[in-house]
Amino acid sequence: MSYSFTELLTIAREVRDDFNIDHREVLENMTDHHDDFEVDGWRFIACNAALDILTDELGSDEYILGCFMAGFLSDVLDIDVDVIEALQKSEAYEALGKLILSMGKLRDLAQAYVDADGYGHHFNRWDGVEHELSSADYYAFKL
């Protein structure tokens, strides 16, 4: 997206006032169309790219995929919760993650995760909060 001068000023004010960071670097990344970047302890992700980035990050760790709550995984995978609980009880988290990937359910899991908790729980390790910029189509997450 290209921004007008007025929009850039609005973004700069919001970043300066709400995040107290170098707005010039943020604006440069946004105008260069970067979907995912970090500035001064904050991670900015374009709203239209957030689900893809989350899906990629979740898919890179089979163990973590298997650690989601059994009831949540049961709903996403359409597998009896007792089966998932048994796998988790036997600490077969990585095997459960591989199952999620082999079933082609990773994107469904990511979407259900966002629907349940938003993006902040995954991307914001500081306080789990998802900040949506009102002046630009980006989320900001404290690192």
C-alpha atoms as a PDB file:
ATOM      1  CA  MET A   1       0.000   0.000   0.000  1.00  0.00           C
ATOM      2  CA  SER A   2       1.198   3.491  -0.779  1.00  0.00           C
ATOM      3  CA  TYR A   3       0.631   6.184   1.794  1.00  0.00           C
ATOM      4  CA  SER A   4      -0.095   9.864   1.253  1.00  0.00           C
ATOM      5  CA  PHE A   5       1.922  12.495   3.089  1.00  0.00           C
ATOM      6  CA  THR A   6      -0.980  13.063   5.492  1.00  0.00           C
ATOM      7  CA  GLU A   7      -1.269   9.333   6.199  1.00  0.00           C
ATOM      8  CA  LEU A   8       2.474   9.125   6.873  1.00  0.00           C
ATOM      9  CA  LEU A   9       2.218  11.991   9.363  1.00  0.00           C
ATOM     10  CA  THR A  10      -0.663  10.244  11.110  1.00  0.00           C
ATOM     11  CA  ILE A  11       1.268   6.968  11.282  1.00  0.00           C
ATOM     12  CA  ALA A  12       4.359   8.794  12.593  1.00  0.00           C
ATOM     13  CA  ARG A  13       2.326  10.452  15.368  1.00  0.00           C
ATOM     14  CA  GLU A  14       0.667   7.187  16.361  1.00  0.00           C
ATOM     15  CA  VAL A  15       3.966   5.284  16.482  1.00  0.00           C
ATOM     16  CA  ARG A  16       5.677   8.085  18.404  1.00  0.00           C
ATOM     17  CA  ASP A  17       2.834   8.563  20.891  1.00  0.00           C
ATOM     18  CA  ASP A  18       1.723   4.953  21.423  1.00  0.00           C
ATOM     19  CA  PHE A  19       5.010   3.061  21.162  1.00  0.00           C
ATOM     20  CA  ASN A  20       7.647   5.700  21.908  1.00  0.00           C
ATOM     21  CA  ILE A  21       9.979   4.428  19.181  1.00  0.00           C
ATOM     22  CA  ASP A  22      11.757   5.747  16.082  1.00  0.00           C
ATOM     23  CA  HIS A  23       8.900   6.485  13.715  1.00  0.00           C
ATOM     24  CA  ARG A  24      11.281   7.062  10.777  1.00  0.00           C
ATOM     25  CA  GLU A  25      12.398   3.430  10.729  1.00  0.00           C
ATOM     26  CA  VAL A  26       8.808   2.218  11.010  1.00  0.00           C
ATOM     27  CA  LEU A  27       7.702   4.456   8.130  1.00  0.00           C
ATOM     28  CA  GLU A  28      10.635   3.330   5.996  1.00  0.00           C
ATOM     29  CA  ASN A  29       9.715  -0.324   6.467  1.00  0.00           C
ATOM     30  CA  MET A  30       6.051   0.349   5.742  1.00  0.00           C
ATOM     31  CA  THR A  31       6.712   2.385   2.620  1.00  0.00           C
ATOM     32  CA  ASP A  32       9.137  -0.306   1.421  1.00  0.00           C
ATOM     33  CA  HIS A  33       6.189  -2.748   1.774  1.00  0.00           C
ATOM     34  CA  HIS A  34       7.778  -4.985   4.408  1.00  0.00           C
ATOM     35  CA  ASP A  35       5.140  -7.281   5.897  1.00  0.00           C
ATOM     36  CA  ASP A  36       7.146  -8.231   8.989  1.00  0.00           C
ATOM     37  CA  PHE A  37       9.815  -6.117  10.681  1.00  0.00           C
ATOM     38  CA  GLU A  38      11.153  -5.127  14.088  1.00  0.00           C
ATOM     39  CA  VAL A  39      11.978  -1.685  15.434  1.00  0.00           C
ATOM     40  CA  ASP A  40      13.190  -0.919  18.957  1.00  0.00           C
ATOM     41  CA  GLY A  41      11.707  -3.986  20.638  1.00  0.00           C
ATOM     42  CA  TRP A  42       8.452  -3.958  18.670  1.00  0.00           C
ATOM     43  CA  ARG A  43       7.447  -6.323  15.883  1.00  0.00           C
ATOM     44  CA  PHE A  44       5.183  -4.947  13.165  1.00  0.00           C
ATOM     45  CA  ILE A  45       3.220  -7.319  10.942  1.00  0.00           C
ATOM     46  CA  ALA A  46       0.949  -6.318   8.072  1.00  0.00           C
ATOM     47  CA  CYS A  47      -2.637  -7.339   8.832  1.00  0.00           C
ATOM     48  CA  ASN A  48      -3.003  -9.108   5.483  1.00  0.00           C
ATOM     49  CA  ALA A  49       0.128 -11.202   6.132  1.00  0.00           C
ATOM     50  CA  ALA A  50      -0.368 -12.049   9.822  1.00  0.00           C
ATOM     51  CA  LEU A  51      -2.173 -15.366   9.332  1.00  0.00           C
ATOM     52  CA  ASP A  52       0.421 -16.600   6.822  1.00  0.00           C
ATOM     53  CA  ILE A  53       3.290 -15.634   9.127  1.00  0.00           C
ATOM     54  CA  LEU A  54       1.603 -17.286  12.109  1.00  0.00           C
ATOM     55  CA  THR A  55       0.948 -20.434  10.071  1.00  0.00           C
ATOM     56  CA  ASP A  56       4.596 -20.597   8.965  1.00  0.00           C
ATOM     57  CA  GLU A  57       5.878 -20.107  12.503  1.00  0.00           C
ATOM     58  CA  LEU A  58       3.549 -22.720  13.984  1.00  0.00           C
ATOM     59  CA  GLY A  59       4.416 -25.191  11.226  1.00  0.00           C
ATOM     60  CA  SER A  60       8.108 -24.914  11.967  1.00  0.00           C
ATOM     61  CA  ASP A  61       7.749 -26.597  15.383  1.00  0.00           C
ATOM     62  CA  GLU A  62       5.923 -29.933  15.418  1.00  0.00           C
ATOM     63  CA  TYR A  63       6.399 -30.299  19.165  1.00  0.00           C
ATOM     64  CA  ILE A  64       4.600 -27.022  19.922  1.00  0.00           C
ATOM     65  CA  LEU A  65       1.737 -27.992  17.596  1.00  0.00           C
ATOM     66  CA  GLY A  66       1.118 -31.048  19.736  1.00  0.00           C
ATOM     67  CA  CYS A  67       1.028 -28.961  22.917  1.00  0.00           C
ATOM     68  CA  PHE A  68      -2.252 -27.178  22.201  1.00  0.00           C
ATOM     69  CA  MET A  69      -5.085 -28.088  24.566  1.00  0.00           C
ATOM     70  CA  ALA A  70      -6.626 -31.457  23.731  1.00  0.00           C
ATOM     71  CA  GLY A  71     -10.146 -30.058  23.351  1.00  0.00           C
ATOM     72  CA  PHE A  72      -8.918 -27.374  20.967  1.00  0.00           C
ATOM     73  CA  LEU A  73      -7.035 -29.915  18.843  1.00  0.00           C
ATOM     74  CA  SER A  74     -10.022 -32.256  18.895  1.00  0.00           C
ATOM     75  CA  ASP A  75     -12.241 -29.540  17.448  1.00  0.00           C
ATOM     76  CA  VAL A  76      -9.741 -28.562  14.745  1.00  0.00           C
ATOM     77  CA  LEU A  77      -8.758 -32.096  13.760  1.00  0.00           C
ATOM     78  CA  ASP A  78     -12.144 -33.752  14.267  1.00  0.00           C
ATOM     79  CA  ILE A  79     -10.484 -36.484  16.323  1.00  0.00           C
ATOM     80  CA  ASP A  80     -11.877 -37.793  19.601  1.00  0.00           C
ATOM     81  CA  VAL A  81     -10.462 -35.824  22.512  1.00  0.00           C
ATOM     82  CA  ASP A  82      -9.560 -39.066  24.336  1.00  0.00           C
ATOM     83  CA  VAL A  83      -7.167 -39.999  21.526  1.00  0.00           C
ATOM     84  CA  ILE A  84      -5.429 -36.627  21.699  1.00  0.00           C
ATOM     85  CA  GLU A  85      -5.253 -36.771  25.501  1.00  0.00           C
ATOM     86  CA  ALA A  86      -3.684 -40.237  25.298  1.00  0.00           C
ATOM     87  CA  LEU A  87      -1.051 -38.995  22.849  1.00  0.00           C
ATOM     88  CA  GLN A  88      -0.294 -36.013  25.055  1.00  0.00           C
ATOM     89  CA  LYS A  89      -0.224 -38.130  28.212  1.00  0.00           C
ATOM     90  CA  SER A  90       2.398 -40.335  26.554  1.00  0.00           C
ATOM     91  CA  GLU A  91       4.301 -37.144  25.631  1.00  0.00           C
ATOM     92  CA  ALA A  92       3.892 -37.778  21.900  1.00  0.00           C
ATOM     93  CA  TYR A  93       3.644 -34.053  21.204  1.00  0.00           C
ATOM     94  CA  GLU A  94       5.887 -34.141  18.152  1.00  0.00           C
ATOM     95  CA  ALA A  95       3.941 -37.085  16.694  1.00  0.00           C
ATOM     96  CA  LEU A  96       0.729 -35.133  17.214  1.00  0.00           C
ATOM     97  CA  GLY A  97       2.307 -32.148  15.457  1.00  0.00           C
ATOM     98  CA  LYS A  98       3.299 -34.367  12.534  1.00  0.00           C
ATOM     99  CA  LEU A  99      -0.288 -35.629  12.395  1.00  0.00           C
ATOM    100  CA  ILE A 100      -1.595 -32.060  12.182  1.00  0.00           C
ATOM    101  CA  LEU A 101       0.772 -31.328   9.300  1.00  0.00           C
ATOM    102  CA  SER A 102       0.047 -34.587   7.461  1.00  0.00           C
ATOM    103  CA  MET A 103      -3.714 -33.966   7.714  1.00  0.00           C
ATOM    104  CA  GLY A 104      -3.251 -30.551   6.108  1.00  0.00           C
ATOM    105  CA  LYS A 105      -4.851 -28.874   9.121  1.00  0.00           C
ATOM    106  CA  LEU A 106      -2.129 -26.354   9.949  1.00  0.00           C
ATOM    107  CA  ARG A 107      -3.927 -23.342   8.448  1.00  0.00           C
ATOM    108  CA  ASP A 108      -7.195 -24.392  10.102  1.00  0.00           C
ATOM    109  CA  LEU A 109      -5.385 -24.655  13.433  1.00  0.00           C
ATOM    110  CA  ALA A 110      -3.772 -21.225  12.970  1.00  0.00           C
ATOM    111  CA  GLN A 111      -7.124 -19.641  12.116  1.00  0.00           C
ATOM    112  CA  ALA A 112      -8.826 -21.274  15.106  1.00  0.00           C
ATOM    113  CA  TYR A 113      -5.962 -20.072  17.320  1.00  0.00           C
ATOM    114  CA  VAL A 114      -6.443 -16.488  16.112  1.00  0.00           C
ATOM    115  CA  ASP A 115     -10.208 -16.750  16.523  1.00  0.00           C
ATOM    116  CA  ALA A 116      -9.745 -17.925  20.109  1.00  0.00           C
ATOM    117  CA  ASP A 117      -6.830 -15.767  21.299  1.00  0.00           C
ATOM    118  CA  GLY A 118      -5.967 -13.194  18.629  1.00  0.00           C
ATOM    119  CA  TYR A 119      -2.424 -12.726  17.376  1.00  0.00           C
ATOM    120  CA  GLY A 120      -1.001 -11.240  20.559  1.00  0.00           C
ATOM    121  CA  HIS A 121      -0.753 -14.536  22.402  1.00  0.00           C
ATOM    122  CA  HIS A 122       1.714 -15.857  19.832  1.00  0.00           C
ATOM    123  CA  PHE A 123       3.621 -12.779  18.674  1.00  0.00           C
ATOM    124  CA  ASN A 124       3.724 -10.644  21.840  1.00  0.00           C
ATOM    125  CA  ARG A 125       5.920 -12.329  24.412  1.00  0.00           C
ATOM    126  CA  TRP A 126       5.770  -9.275  26.652  1.00  0.00           C
ATOM    127  CA  ASP A 127       2.125  -9.188  27.690  1.00  0.00           C
ATOM    128  CA  GLY A 128       0.219 -11.100  24.993  1.00  0.00           C
ATOM    129  CA  VAL A 129      -1.476  -7.950  23.699  1.00  0.00           C
ATOM    130  CA  GLU A 130      -2.201  -7.338  20.041  1.00  0.00           C
ATOM    131  CA  HIS A 131      -2.007  -3.651  19.080  1.00  0.00           C
ATOM    132  CA  GLU A 132      -3.684  -2.743  15.807  1.00  0.00           C
ATOM    133  CA  LEU A 133      -2.512   0.553  14.390  1.00  0.00           C
ATOM    134  CA  SER A 134      -5.478   2.778  13.653  1.00  0.00           C
ATOM    135  CA  SER A 135      -3.538   4.677  10.985  1.00  0.00           C
ATOM    136  CA  ALA A 136      -2.091   1.724   9.031  1.00  0.00           C
ATOM    137  CA  ASP A 137      -2.996  -1.909   8.332  1.00  0.00           C
ATOM    138  CA  TYR A 138      -0.396  -3.298  10.730  1.00  0.00           C
ATOM    139  CA  TYR A 139      -0.322  -5.015  14.077  1.00  0.00           C
ATOM    140  CA  ALA A 140       2.366  -4.178  16.620  1.00  0.00           C
ATOM    141  CA  PHE A 141       3.658  -6.596  19.243  1.00  0.00           C
ATOM    142  CA  LYS A 142       6.034  -5.897  22.128  1.00  0.00           C
ATOM    143  CA  LEU A 143       9.002  -8.259  22.114  1.00  0.00           C
END
